[in-house]
Protein backbone atom coordinates (compact mmCIF):
# COMPACT_ATOMS: atom_id res chain seq x y z
CA MET A 1 2.18 -47.33 1.10
CA ALA A 2 3.50 -46.78 -2.40
CA ILE A 3 2.95 -43.28 -3.75
CA ASN A 4 3.98 -41.66 -6.97
CA PRO A 5 7.56 -40.37 -7.07
CA PRO A 6 7.91 -36.60 -6.94
CA VAL A 7 8.23 -34.55 -10.07
CA ASP A 8 11.79 -33.29 -10.42
CA ALA A 9 11.00 -29.59 -10.61
CA THR A 10 14.45 -28.74 -11.93
CA LYS A 11 13.86 -30.88 -15.06
CA THR A 12 10.59 -29.22 -16.04
CA PRO A 13 10.15 -26.59 -18.76
CA GLU A 14 8.50 -24.42 -16.11
CA TRP A 15 11.69 -24.40 -14.02
CA ALA A 16 13.67 -23.53 -17.13
CA ALA A 17 11.27 -20.67 -17.85
CA LEU A 18 11.72 -19.37 -14.32
CA GLN A 19 15.50 -19.63 -14.67
CA LYS A 20 15.32 -17.68 -17.95
CA HIS A 21 13.21 -15.03 -16.24
CA TYR A 22 15.71 -14.80 -13.38
CA ASP A 23 18.60 -14.44 -15.82
CA GLU A 24 16.77 -11.68 -17.69
CA LEU A 25 16.10 -9.76 -14.47
CA GLN A 26 19.76 -10.03 -13.50
CA SER A 27 20.84 -8.93 -16.94
CA GLU A 28 18.62 -5.85 -17.07
CA GLY A 29 19.32 -5.03 -13.43
CA ILE A 30 16.94 -5.44 -10.53
CA SER A 31 15.67 -2.09 -9.30
CA LEU A 32 12.58 -1.92 -7.13
CA LYS A 33 12.66 1.87 -7.36
CA GLN A 34 12.60 1.72 -11.16
CA TRP A 35 9.91 -0.94 -11.22
CA PHE A 36 7.66 1.14 -8.97
CA ASP A 37 8.29 4.24 -11.11
CA GLU A 38 7.50 2.39 -14.34
CA ASP A 39 4.33 0.64 -13.17
CA ALA A 40 1.79 2.73 -11.29
CA SER A 41 -0.36 -0.34 -10.71
CA ARG A 42 2.43 -2.55 -9.37
CA VAL A 43 1.10 -2.52 -5.82
CA ASP A 44 -2.42 -3.43 -6.92
CA LYS A 45 -1.11 -6.28 -9.08
CA LEU A 46 0.96 -7.67 -6.22
CA SER A 47 -1.47 -7.21 -3.31
CA PHE A 48 -3.84 -9.89 -2.02
CA ASP A 49 -6.37 -10.56 0.72
CA ALA A 50 -7.00 -13.86 2.48
CA GLY A 51 -9.44 -13.99 5.37
CA ASP A 52 -8.95 -10.68 7.15
CA LEU A 53 -5.22 -10.53 6.37
CA HIS A 54 -3.83 -8.18 3.71
CA PHE A 55 -0.63 -9.05 1.82
CA ASP A 56 1.66 -6.73 -0.11
CA LEU A 57 4.23 -8.60 -2.21
CA SER A 58 5.22 -5.54 -4.23
CA LYS A 59 8.57 -5.05 -2.47
CA ASN A 60 9.78 -8.49 -3.55
CA LEU A 61 12.26 -9.06 -6.36
CA ILE A 62 9.59 -10.04 -8.85
CA LYS A 63 7.54 -8.50 -11.60
CA PRO A 64 3.79 -9.06 -11.96
CA GLU A 65 4.47 -11.56 -14.76
CA THR A 66 6.59 -13.61 -12.35
CA LEU A 67 3.40 -14.75 -10.63
CA GLN A 68 2.28 -16.71 -13.66
CA LEU A 69 5.66 -18.44 -13.83
CA PHE A 70 5.27 -19.36 -10.15
CA ALA A 71 1.79 -20.73 -10.85
CA ASN A 72 3.04 -22.70 -13.84
CA LEU A 73 5.76 -24.37 -11.76
CA ALA A 74 3.26 -25.17 -9.01
CA LYS A 75 1.10 -26.90 -11.60
CA ALA A 76 4.08 -28.73 -13.07
CA VAL A 77 4.92 -30.34 -9.71
CA LYS A 78 1.24 -31.30 -9.31
CA LEU A 79 0.63 -29.16 -6.25
CA ASP A 80 -3.12 -29.39 -6.84
CA GLU A 81 -3.04 -33.20 -6.80
CA ARG A 82 -0.88 -33.36 -3.69
CA THR A 83 -3.10 -30.84 -1.91
CA LYS A 84 -6.18 -32.93 -2.65
CA ALA A 85 -4.31 -36.03 -1.50
CA MET A 86 -3.40 -34.36 1.79
CA TYR A 87 -6.89 -33.03 2.45
CA SER A 88 -8.51 -36.38 1.66
CA GLY A 89 -6.27 -38.51 3.87
CA VAL A 90 -3.91 -40.20 1.41
CA HIS A 91 -0.80 -41.37 3.26
CA ILE A 92 1.51 -38.69 1.91
CA ASN A 93 3.77 -39.08 4.97
CA ASN A 94 5.54 -41.87 3.16
CA THR A 95 8.27 -42.93 5.60
CA GLU A 96 5.79 -43.31 8.47
CA ASP A 97 2.92 -44.54 6.26
CA ARG A 98 0.53 -41.94 7.67
CA ALA A 99 -2.12 -39.58 6.46
CA VAL A 100 -1.48 -35.86 7.01
CA LEU A 101 -4.74 -34.42 8.28
CA HIS A 102 -4.11 -31.42 10.50
CA THR A 103 -6.74 -29.69 8.33
CA ALA A 104 -9.32 -32.08 9.82
CA LEU A 105 -8.63 -30.64 13.27
CA ARG A 106 -10.42 -27.44 12.31
CA ARG A 107 -13.19 -28.65 10.05
CA PRO A 108 -16.69 -27.61 11.17
CA VAL A 109 -19.15 -30.09 12.62
CA GLU A 110 -21.08 -30.01 9.32
CA ASP A 111 -18.23 -31.98 7.77
CA GLU A 112 -18.88 -35.04 9.92
CA GLY A 113 -19.23 -38.09 7.71
CA LYS A 114 -17.45 -36.47 4.76
CA PHE A 115 -13.84 -37.39 5.53
CA ILE A 116 -13.56 -41.08 6.33
CA VAL A 117 -9.88 -42.04 6.48
CA ASP A 118 -8.72 -45.59 7.20
CA GLY A 119 -12.25 -46.31 8.43
CA GLN A 120 -12.27 -43.35 10.80
CA ASP A 121 -14.72 -40.46 10.61
CA THR A 122 -12.00 -37.95 11.28
CA VAL A 123 -14.16 -34.88 11.81
CA LYS A 124 -16.58 -36.72 14.09
CA ASP A 125 -13.72 -37.99 16.23
CA VAL A 126 -12.12 -34.55 16.38
CA ARG A 127 -15.40 -32.94 17.39
CA GLU A 128 -16.02 -35.55 20.10
CA THR A 129 -12.57 -34.90 21.56
CA LEU A 130 -13.10 -31.15 21.39
CA SER A 131 -16.40 -31.55 23.26
CA ARG A 132 -14.59 -33.38 26.07
CA ILE A 133 -11.84 -30.73 26.16
CA TYR A 134 -14.38 -27.91 26.21
CA ALA A 135 -16.34 -29.52 29.06
CA PHE A 136 -13.14 -29.94 31.04
CA ALA A 137 -12.07 -26.37 30.29
CA GLU A 138 -15.41 -25.00 31.46
CA ASP A 139 -15.16 -27.03 34.68
CA VAL A 140 -11.73 -25.58 35.43
CA ARG A 141 -12.69 -22.04 34.45
CA SER A 142 -15.89 -22.06 36.51
CA GLY A 143 -14.27 -23.55 39.60
CA LYS A 144 -16.23 -26.78 39.39
CA TRP A 145 -12.91 -28.58 39.01
CA THR A 146 -10.78 -27.82 42.06
CA GLY A 147 -7.53 -28.91 43.57
CA ILE A 148 -7.27 -31.38 46.46
CA THR A 149 -8.22 -28.72 49.02
CA GLY A 150 -11.24 -27.44 47.08
CA ARG A 151 -9.62 -24.24 45.83
CA LYS A 152 -10.08 -22.98 42.26
CA ILE A 153 -7.28 -23.58 39.77
CA GLU A 154 -5.31 -20.40 39.09
CA THR A 155 -2.31 -21.68 37.11
CA VAL A 156 -2.11 -24.30 34.39
CA VAL A 157 1.36 -25.76 33.79
CA ASN A 158 1.79 -27.46 30.44
CA ILE A 159 4.61 -30.01 30.28
CA GLY A 160 5.64 -31.01 26.76
CA ILE A 161 8.42 -30.49 24.24
CA GLY A 162 8.72 -29.67 20.56
CA GLY A 163 5.28 -29.43 19.01
CA SER A 164 3.73 -30.11 22.42
CA ASP A 165 5.27 -26.89 23.71
CA LEU A 166 6.20 -24.40 20.98
CA GLY A 167 2.68 -24.03 19.60
CA PRO A 168 0.84 -23.65 22.92
CA VAL A 169 3.48 -21.24 24.27
CA MET A 170 3.33 -19.09 21.15
CA VAL A 171 -0.46 -18.91 21.10
CA TYR A 172 -0.69 -18.28 24.84
CA GLU A 173 1.68 -15.34 24.54
CA ALA A 174 -0.11 -14.06 21.42
CA LEU A 175 -3.55 -14.07 23.02
CA LYS A 176 -2.82 -12.98 26.58
CA PRO A 177 -5.33 -10.10 26.39
CA TYR A 178 -8.08 -12.72 25.95
CA ALA A 179 -7.37 -14.55 29.22
CA ASP A 180 -10.59 -13.85 31.09
CA ALA A 181 -11.02 -16.50 33.81
CA GLY A 182 -8.29 -15.54 36.26
CA ILE A 183 -6.14 -18.43 35.04
CA SER A 184 -2.59 -18.06 33.75
CA ALA A 185 -0.35 -20.63 32.09
CA ARG A 186 3.27 -21.66 32.34
CA TYR A 187 5.13 -24.03 30.03
CA ILE A 188 7.88 -26.48 30.93
CA SER A 189 9.77 -28.13 28.08
CA ASN A 190 13.50 -28.32 28.66
CA ILE A 191 14.92 -31.30 30.53
CA ASP A 192 17.36 -28.84 32.08
CA PRO A 193 16.32 -28.80 35.78
CA ASN A 194 16.47 -25.02 35.69
CA ASP A 195 13.34 -24.89 33.54
CA LEU A 196 11.12 -26.74 35.99
CA ALA A 197 12.68 -24.94 38.95
CA GLU A 198 11.90 -21.52 37.52
CA LYS A 199 8.44 -22.40 36.20
CA THR A 200 7.27 -23.79 39.55
CA LYS A 201 8.80 -20.96 41.55
CA GLY A 202 6.16 -19.02 43.44
CA LEU A 203 3.31 -21.38 42.51
CA ASP A 204 0.70 -22.38 45.03
CA PRO A 205 0.37 -26.19 44.72
CA GLU A 206 -3.26 -26.05 45.86
CA THR A 207 -4.23 -23.96 42.81
CA THR A 208 -1.94 -25.50 40.19
CA LEU A 209 -2.98 -27.95 37.49
CA PHE A 210 -0.42 -29.80 35.35
CA ILE A 211 -1.17 -30.94 31.80
CA ILE A 212 1.25 -33.62 30.59
CA VAL A 213 1.40 -33.60 26.79
CA SER A 214 2.92 -36.70 25.21
CA LYS A 215 1.07 -38.77 22.62
CA THR A 216 2.86 -41.99 23.63
CA PHE A 217 3.48 -40.93 27.23
CA THR A 218 7.08 -42.07 26.77
CA THR A 219 8.86 -38.88 25.65
CA LEU A 220 12.04 -38.76 27.74
CA GLU A 221 12.08 -35.03 28.48
CA THR A 222 8.35 -34.75 29.10
CA LEU A 223 8.05 -37.76 31.39
CA THR A 224 11.17 -36.78 33.35
CA ASN A 225 9.71 -33.33 33.94
CA ALA A 226 6.29 -34.83 34.73
CA ARG A 227 7.75 -37.05 37.45
CA GLU A 228 9.70 -34.11 38.87
CA ALA A 229 6.52 -32.00 38.84
CA ARG A 230 4.63 -34.76 40.64
CA THR A 231 7.34 -34.89 43.30
CA TRP A 232 7.24 -31.10 43.64
CA LEU A 233 3.46 -31.07 43.99
CA LEU A 234 3.28 -33.78 46.63
CA GLU A 235 6.14 -32.34 48.69
CA GLU A 236 4.64 -28.85 48.57
CA LEU A 237 1.17 -30.11 49.52
CA LYS A 238 2.64 -32.06 52.42
CA ALA A 239 4.65 -29.05 53.57
CA ALA A 240 1.49 -26.95 53.53
CA GLY A 241 -0.40 -29.56 55.52
CA ALA A 242 -2.84 -30.06 52.64
CA ILE A 243 -2.22 -33.81 52.52
CA SER A 244 -0.71 -36.36 54.87
CA GLY A 245 2.60 -37.90 53.92
CA ASN A 246 1.44 -41.36 54.96
CA ASP A 247 -2.01 -41.42 53.37
CA GLU A 248 -1.65 -43.22 50.00
CA ALA A 249 -5.28 -42.66 49.08
CA GLN A 250 -4.93 -38.94 49.68
CA THR A 251 -1.73 -38.88 47.62
CA ALA A 252 -3.44 -40.67 44.74
CA GLU A 253 -6.37 -38.25 44.91
CA ALA A 254 -4.01 -35.27 44.83
CA ILE A 255 -2.40 -36.54 41.62
CA LYS A 256 -5.81 -37.05 40.01
CA LYS A 257 -6.92 -33.56 41.01
CA HIS A 258 -3.75 -31.82 39.85
CA PHE A 259 -2.70 -33.78 36.75
CA VAL A 260 -4.40 -34.45 33.43
CA ALA A 261 -2.89 -35.83 30.23
CA VAL A 262 -2.90 -35.29 26.50
CA SER A 263 -2.05 -38.79 25.35
CA THR A 264 -3.38 -41.91 23.69
CA ASN A 265 -1.47 -44.31 25.93
CA LEU A 266 -4.06 -44.73 28.66
CA GLU A 267 -2.16 -47.55 30.33
CA LYS A 268 0.89 -45.35 30.89
CA VAL A 269 -1.34 -42.47 31.93
CA ALA A 270 -2.94 -44.63 34.60
CA GLU A 271 0.46 -45.90 35.79
CA PHE A 272 1.48 -42.30 36.37
CA GLY A 273 -1.58 -41.80 38.58
CA ILE A 274 -3.75 -39.78 36.19
CA ASP A 275 -7.38 -40.83 35.77
CA PRO A 276 -7.64 -42.10 32.14
CA ASN A 277 -10.98 -40.27 31.96
CA ASN A 278 -8.92 -37.10 32.18
CA ALA A 279 -6.75 -37.93 29.16
CA PHE A 280 -7.40 -36.29 25.81
CA GLY A 281 -6.03 -37.95 22.71
CA PHE A 282 -5.11 -37.15 19.14
CA TRP A 283 -4.21 -39.26 16.15
CA ASN A 284 -1.17 -40.48 14.23
CA TRP A 285 -2.19 -38.30 11.28
CA VAL A 286 -1.41 -35.21 13.38
CA GLY A 287 2.27 -34.32 13.35
CA GLY A 288 3.63 -32.74 16.50
CA ARG A 289 4.46 -29.42 14.90
CA TYR A 290 0.97 -29.33 13.35
CA SER A 291 -0.89 -30.13 16.56
CA VAL A 292 -1.52 -26.89 18.46
CA ASP A 293 -5.17 -26.93 17.33
CA SER A 294 -5.65 -30.48 18.65
CA ALA A 295 -5.81 -31.63 22.28
CA VAL A 296 -2.25 -30.31 22.52
CA GLY A 297 -3.94 -26.91 22.88
CA THR A 298 -5.92 -27.95 25.97
CA SER A 299 -4.11 -25.36 28.10
CA LEU A 300 -5.32 -22.70 25.64
CA ALA A 301 -8.93 -23.86 25.88
CA VAL A 302 -8.69 -23.59 29.65
CA VAL A 303 -7.11 -20.14 29.72
CA PHE A 304 -9.11 -18.53 26.89
CA GLY A 305 -12.28 -20.64 26.90
CA PRO A 306 -14.00 -22.86 24.33
CA ALA A 307 -15.55 -19.96 22.39
CA ARG A 308 -12.14 -18.37 21.79
CA PHE A 309 -10.65 -21.74 20.88
CA GLU A 310 -13.40 -22.18 18.28
CA GLU A 311 -12.54 -18.76 16.82
CA PHE A 312 -8.93 -19.94 16.67
CA LEU A 313 -10.00 -23.03 14.71
CA HIS A 314 -12.13 -20.92 12.35
CA GLY A 315 -9.06 -18.89 11.46
CA PHE A 316 -7.20 -22.04 10.44
CA HIS A 317 -10.16 -23.28 8.40
CA GLU A 318 -10.50 -19.94 6.60
CA ILE A 319 -6.97 -20.26 5.23
CA ASP A 320 -7.35 -24.00 4.58
CA GLU A 321 -10.31 -23.29 2.33
CA TYR A 322 -8.66 -20.31 0.66
CA PHE A 323 -5.51 -22.31 -0.09
CA ALA A 324 -7.43 -25.27 -1.52
CA ASN A 325 -9.86 -23.28 -3.66
CA THR A 326 -8.06 -20.20 -4.98
CA PRO A 327 -6.34 -20.33 -8.40
CA PHE A 328 -2.59 -20.45 -8.05
CA GLU A 329 -2.06 -17.16 -9.89
CA LYS A 330 -4.11 -15.35 -7.25
CA ASN A 331 -3.40 -17.61 -4.27
CA VAL A 332 -1.15 -15.66 -1.92
CA VAL A 333 -0.37 -18.79 0.11
CA VAL A 334 0.94 -20.57 -2.98
CA LEU A 335 2.72 -17.43 -4.17
CA MET A 336 4.50 -16.94 -0.84
CA GLY A 337 5.64 -20.56 -0.93
CA MET A 338 6.91 -20.07 -4.49
CA LEU A 339 8.62 -16.82 -3.44
CA ASN A 340 10.60 -18.80 -0.90
CA VAL A 341 11.57 -21.30 -3.61
CA TRP A 342 12.51 -18.35 -5.87
CA TYR A 343 14.87 -16.93 -3.28
CA ARG A 344 16.27 -20.26 -2.07
CA ASN A 345 16.91 -21.87 -5.45
CA PHE A 346 17.51 -18.96 -7.81
CA PHE A 347 18.99 -16.25 -5.56
CA LYS A 348 20.65 -18.96 -3.39
CA VAL A 349 19.65 -17.31 -0.11
CA ALA A 350 19.97 -19.43 3.00
CA SER A 351 17.80 -17.67 5.55
CA HIS A 352 14.43 -16.01 5.94
CA ALA A 353 13.49 -13.49 8.62
CA VAL A 354 10.04 -13.23 10.17
CA LEU A 355 9.61 -9.92 11.94
CA PRO A 356 6.34 -9.44 13.84
CA TYR A 357 5.56 -5.85 14.78
CA ASP A 358 3.50 -7.02 17.72
CA GLN A 359 5.11 -7.92 21.03
CA TYR A 360 2.46 -10.56 21.67
CA LEU A 361 3.91 -12.50 18.71
CA HIS A 362 7.40 -12.60 20.19
CA ARG A 363 7.44 -16.43 20.12
CA PHE A 364 6.12 -16.71 16.56
CA PRO A 365 9.57 -16.91 14.87
CA ALA A 366 10.60 -19.68 17.28
CA TYR A 367 7.40 -21.55 16.47
CA LEU A 368 8.09 -21.22 12.75
CA GLN A 369 11.61 -22.55 13.21
CA GLN A 370 10.26 -25.97 14.07
CA LEU A 371 7.41 -25.82 11.56
CA THR A 372 9.64 -24.96 8.62
CA MET A 373 13.05 -26.42 9.41
CA GLU A 374 11.86 -29.71 10.84
CA SER A 375 9.54 -30.09 7.87
CA ASN A 376 11.84 -29.16 5.00
CA GLY A 377 15.35 -29.55 6.42
CA LYS A 378 15.96 -32.65 4.34
CA SER A 379 18.26 -33.91 1.60
CA VAL A 380 16.26 -36.87 0.30
CA ARG A 381 12.92 -36.78 -1.47
CA TRP A 382 9.82 -38.68 -0.48
CA ASP A 383 10.82 -41.67 -2.63
CA GLY A 384 14.26 -41.89 -1.00
CA THR A 385 16.18 -40.32 -3.88
CA PRO A 386 18.55 -37.36 -3.38
CA VAL A 387 17.14 -33.86 -3.74
CA THR A 388 17.94 -32.04 -6.96
CA SER A 389 18.18 -28.50 -5.58
CA GLU A 390 18.79 -26.58 -2.38
CA THR A 391 16.07 -27.17 0.20
CA GLY A 392 14.96 -25.58 3.44
CA GLU A 393 15.59 -22.13 4.85
CA ILE A 394 16.89 -20.97 8.19
CA PHE A 395 13.90 -19.20 9.73
CA TRP A 396 14.61 -16.65 12.42
CA GLY A 397 13.49 -13.32 13.78
CA GLU A 398 12.49 -11.13 16.70
CA PRO A 399 9.75 -8.58 17.20
CA GLY A 400 10.15 -5.06 15.86
CA THR A 401 11.31 -2.60 17.05
CA ASN A 402 13.72 -4.66 19.15
CA GLY A 403 15.24 -6.30 16.09
CA GLN A 404 15.91 -2.89 14.53
CA HIS A 405 18.43 -2.23 17.30
CA ALA A 406 20.03 -5.65 16.91
CA PHE A 407 20.31 -7.45 13.56
CA TYR A 408 18.61 -5.17 11.02
CA GLN A 409 22.06 -3.79 10.21
CA LEU A 410 22.86 -7.10 8.51
CA ILE A 411 19.59 -7.10 6.56
CA HIS A 412 20.04 -3.51 5.37
CA GLN A 413 23.76 -3.37 4.58
CA GLY A 414 25.21 -6.85 4.90
CA THR A 415 26.48 -8.98 2.02
CA GLN A 416 23.72 -11.57 2.41
CA LEU A 417 20.31 -11.24 0.82
CA ILE A 418 17.72 -11.98 3.51
CA PRO A 419 14.05 -11.95 2.48
CA ALA A 420 11.83 -10.90 5.37
CA ASP A 421 8.15 -11.13 6.28
CA PHE A 422 6.91 -8.11 8.25
CA ILE A 423 3.71 -8.75 10.25
CA ALA A 424 1.60 -6.07 11.94
CA PHE A 425 -1.96 -5.25 12.99
CA VAL A 426 -4.04 -2.11 12.57
CA ASN A 427 -5.46 -2.23 16.10
CA THR A 428 -3.91 -2.86 19.49
CA PRO A 429 -5.57 -4.02 22.73
CA ASN A 430 -3.44 -1.51 24.62
CA PRO A 431 -3.84 1.93 22.98
CA THR A 432 -1.73 4.61 24.65
CA LYS A 433 -0.48 8.11 23.99
CA ASP A 434 2.81 9.84 24.68
CA GLY A 435 1.52 13.36 24.92
CA ASP A 436 -0.30 13.88 21.63
CA GLN A 437 1.49 10.99 19.93
CA ASP A 438 -0.44 7.75 19.46
CA VAL A 439 2.20 5.19 20.44
CA HIS A 440 0.77 2.43 18.28
CA GLU A 441 1.01 4.73 15.27
CA LEU A 442 4.60 5.52 16.22
CA PHE A 443 5.22 1.77 16.31
CA LEU A 444 3.56 1.21 12.93
CA GLY A 445 5.60 4.06 11.51
CA ASN A 446 8.62 1.82 12.04
CA TYR A 447 6.81 -1.11 10.39
CA PHE A 448 6.18 0.97 7.27
CA ALA A 449 9.58 2.66 7.28
CA GLN A 450 11.68 -0.48 7.47
CA THR A 451 10.20 -2.13 4.38
CA LYS A 452 10.50 1.17 2.50
CA ALA A 453 14.15 1.55 3.49
CA LEU A 454 14.95 -2.03 2.57
CA ALA A 455 13.26 -1.72 -0.81
CA PHE A 456 14.50 1.67 -1.98
CA GLY A 457 17.62 2.34 0.06
CA LYS A 458 19.60 5.56 -0.18
CA THR A 459 22.06 6.56 -2.88
CA ALA A 460 25.45 8.22 -2.39
CA ASP A 461 24.09 11.42 -3.94
CA GLU A 462 21.20 11.45 -1.48
CA VAL A 463 23.63 10.98 1.38
CA ARG A 464 25.85 13.82 0.09
CA ALA A 465 22.83 16.09 -0.24
CA GLU A 466 22.37 15.80 3.52
CA GLY A 467 25.78 17.39 4.02
CA THR A 468 27.53 14.17 4.97
CA PRO A 469 31.36 14.35 4.91
CA GLU A 470 32.65 12.54 1.81
CA GLU A 471 34.79 10.10 3.76
CA ILE A 472 31.75 8.54 5.46
CA VAL A 473 29.36 8.66 2.51
CA PRO A 474 29.98 4.98 1.60
CA ALA A 475 29.08 3.87 5.11
CA ARG A 476 25.71 5.61 4.86
CA VAL A 477 24.68 4.25 1.48
CA PHE A 478 21.84 1.70 1.42
CA THR A 479 21.68 -0.37 -1.74
CA GLY A 480 17.98 -1.18 -1.41
CA ASN A 481 16.46 -4.05 -3.36
CA ARG A 482 16.21 -6.02 -0.11
CA PRO A 483 12.99 -8.04 -0.48
CA THR A 484 10.13 -7.96 2.02
CA THR A 485 6.55 -9.16 2.24
CA SER A 486 4.13 -7.11 4.34
CA ILE A 487 1.34 -8.96 6.14
CA PHE A 488 -1.18 -6.60 7.70
CA GLY A 489 -4.08 -7.73 9.87
CA VAL A 490 -6.98 -5.93 11.49
CA ALA A 491 -6.27 -7.16 15.03
CA LEU A 492 -4.38 -10.02 16.70
CA THR A 493 -7.47 -12.06 17.55
CA PRO A 494 -7.77 -15.84 18.03
CA PHE A 495 -9.05 -15.96 14.45
CA ALA A 496 -6.01 -14.09 13.15
CA VAL A 497 -3.56 -16.32 15.02
CA GLY A 498 -5.21 -19.37 13.47
CA GLU A 499 -4.90 -17.71 10.05
CA LEU A 500 -1.20 -16.99 10.52
CA ILE A 501 -0.37 -20.53 11.61
CA ALA A 502 -2.29 -22.12 8.73
CA LEU A 503 -0.66 -19.67 6.31
CA TYR A 504 2.84 -20.85 7.20
CA GLU A 505 1.77 -24.51 7.42
CA HIS A 506 0.67 -24.36 3.79
CA ILE A 507 3.65 -22.26 2.66
CA THR A 508 5.84 -25.03 4.07
CA PHE A 509 3.77 -27.62 2.20
CA VAL A 510 4.11 -25.73 -1.10
CA GLU A 511 7.90 -25.59 -0.75
CA GLY A 512 8.08 -29.25 0.19
CA THR A 513 6.04 -30.20 -2.84
CA VAL A 514 8.35 -28.30 -5.20
CA TRP A 515 11.40 -29.92 -3.61
CA GLY A 516 9.80 -33.37 -3.52
CA LEU A 517 10.05 -33.68 0.27
CA ASP A 518 8.00 -35.57 2.82
CA SER A 519 7.46 -32.50 4.99
CA TYR A 520 5.80 -34.54 7.74
CA ASP A 521 8.46 -36.87 9.12
CA GLN A 522 11.44 -35.81 11.25
CA TRP A 523 14.01 -38.57 11.32
CA GLY A 524 16.75 -36.00 11.79
CA VAL A 525 15.88 -35.62 15.46
CA GLU A 526 16.24 -39.32 16.24
CA LEU A 527 19.99 -40.02 16.10
CA GLY A 528 20.96 -37.58 18.82
CA LYS A 529 18.21 -38.95 21.09
CA GLN A 530 19.45 -42.51 20.58
CA LEU A 531 23.06 -41.56 21.29
CA ALA A 532 22.07 -39.65 24.43
CA LYS A 533 20.66 -42.86 25.90
CA GLN A 534 23.95 -44.62 25.19
CA ILE A 535 26.16 -41.83 26.50
CA THR A 536 24.28 -40.89 29.68
CA PRO A 537 25.48 -43.93 31.70
CA ALA A 538 29.07 -42.95 30.86
CA ILE A 539 28.77 -39.54 32.44
CA SER A 540 28.95 -40.50 36.08
CA GLN A 541 29.58 -44.16 36.72
CA ASP A 542 29.96 -46.53 33.79
CA ASP A 543 33.61 -46.67 32.73
CA ASP A 544 32.90 -49.31 30.08
CA ALA A 545 30.35 -46.99 28.49
CA LEU A 546 32.91 -44.19 28.69
CA ALA A 547 35.53 -46.29 26.94
CA ALA A 548 33.11 -46.94 24.08
CA GLN A 549 32.91 -43.23 23.21
CA ASP A 550 35.01 -41.28 20.75
CA ALA A 551 38.03 -39.37 22.03
CA SER A 552 36.30 -35.99 22.04
CA THR A 553 33.27 -37.23 23.96
CA GLN A 554 35.54 -39.04 26.47
CA SER A 555 37.51 -35.83 27.04
CA LEU A 556 34.37 -33.79 27.66
CA ILE A 557 32.96 -36.36 30.09
CA LYS A 558 36.25 -36.48 31.98
CA PHE A 559 36.13 -32.70 32.33
CA TYR A 560 32.61 -33.06 33.74
CA ARG A 561 33.66 -35.73 36.24
CA ALA A 562 36.60 -33.65 37.40
CA ASN A 563 34.57 -30.51 38.00
CA ARG A 564 31.14 -31.58 39.21
CA GLU A 565 30.38 -30.04 42.60
CA PHE A 566 26.93 -31.43 43.45
């Protein structure tokens, strides 16, 4: 399990050079307006293409020469070596002694036999699992697979949590225009009974298929919701006269027809009543938040079809190959990761906004919250030593233009510096006009305008020139120099969604490498789960368990006991 200790980036000459560069920029004064005026080729020098995505970094607080300093630091922390180690299956997840091979999930069939890890032909195994998922998806889509009464499945309900939910939900919402088989999806994750109640509301049990996503088939929230869903299904089928309440064989058949699993624990799957032949597995080298392109995405394969799912995987692979094979100085994935380090460690910013100008990507910021903050929200390095700099960022955001009427005020005129990624697409699946006005162009006008306003602002003299009363001039001044990255795609296709996910996966990896973090474990989520198991008995009946709690927890539980009405 032993791996080399991380390089302390802060002790390298390359870090010192970046610090000197930062100090010089502060001393001379950062002015994006001046930098654009002085360098007519600034945009060209700071623009990049990867796959079919276009990136403009020119509105960031960097000069073209900053890129070489970023590349030098990436080399100093041995990013190239760690990337090769990850791609080849070295156990870089140190605390769990696991390989980190989400890139194998999207390798083409031609790579079978080339990536043998711990005796496993990873690509061959992935492709075999995908073949089973695709066959199942086609059966459901065609109507060959039916519910207990022989009716075609119309709704797939995915039950999972964390990485077993956030990824599939986000992609489902992003690709809704590609749903072409008359099948919709719903996603249940929260153990709050309200989630299951709302997600099953209005469903026809005869045309509903549940997919239970839990690698170990022991996840508390998922299995609780799965059992509740099973109860709902059987009661609804009985009420409709579809099955008899006293026929155990019919009940068992109903469960097999309406439940499948994404799990490797076939014994637990069978105990639940699911046919183990209808369980699709994945491997311990796939972290939950990196798993949407594994069997965890089975609901997506059903709704959008195998061909679309393959396009999705191709998008991931395109960025995987670009990241691994492009020199750091020209590698926009590396440079975006280093930009985040630049802002976090040198400008001391705490948060990072992701602002998709596409309503279909409305769950993308939430997806990135787990990807980035669960990966890099850590204060010890991969060898167990304390970190030597600030780590992690608070990722957040909402789609434009909604966010403009909510929190953009803080980004434009607040006292915090908040770097932001703006994401948009040239084409829309729903072109419309308001009179002669192309509405998508009106929408994109906001996308372009916001990054311009953040970069260049508005001076007091410009405000006065508009005839503004002097007493409110200060309130209408925009300082500018608020950094943004523009990501512009051709269309929000399955390929593009795969590209975007892989982009941020590798950005997260770059940051983690600089900070010396194991970006692939998540011990921070464990303590609360353990304590919940201890505290739950105290809530309603166990006075000894109640007495064992701290004073605050006891007080809150007593309030609950005094006021519960059901």
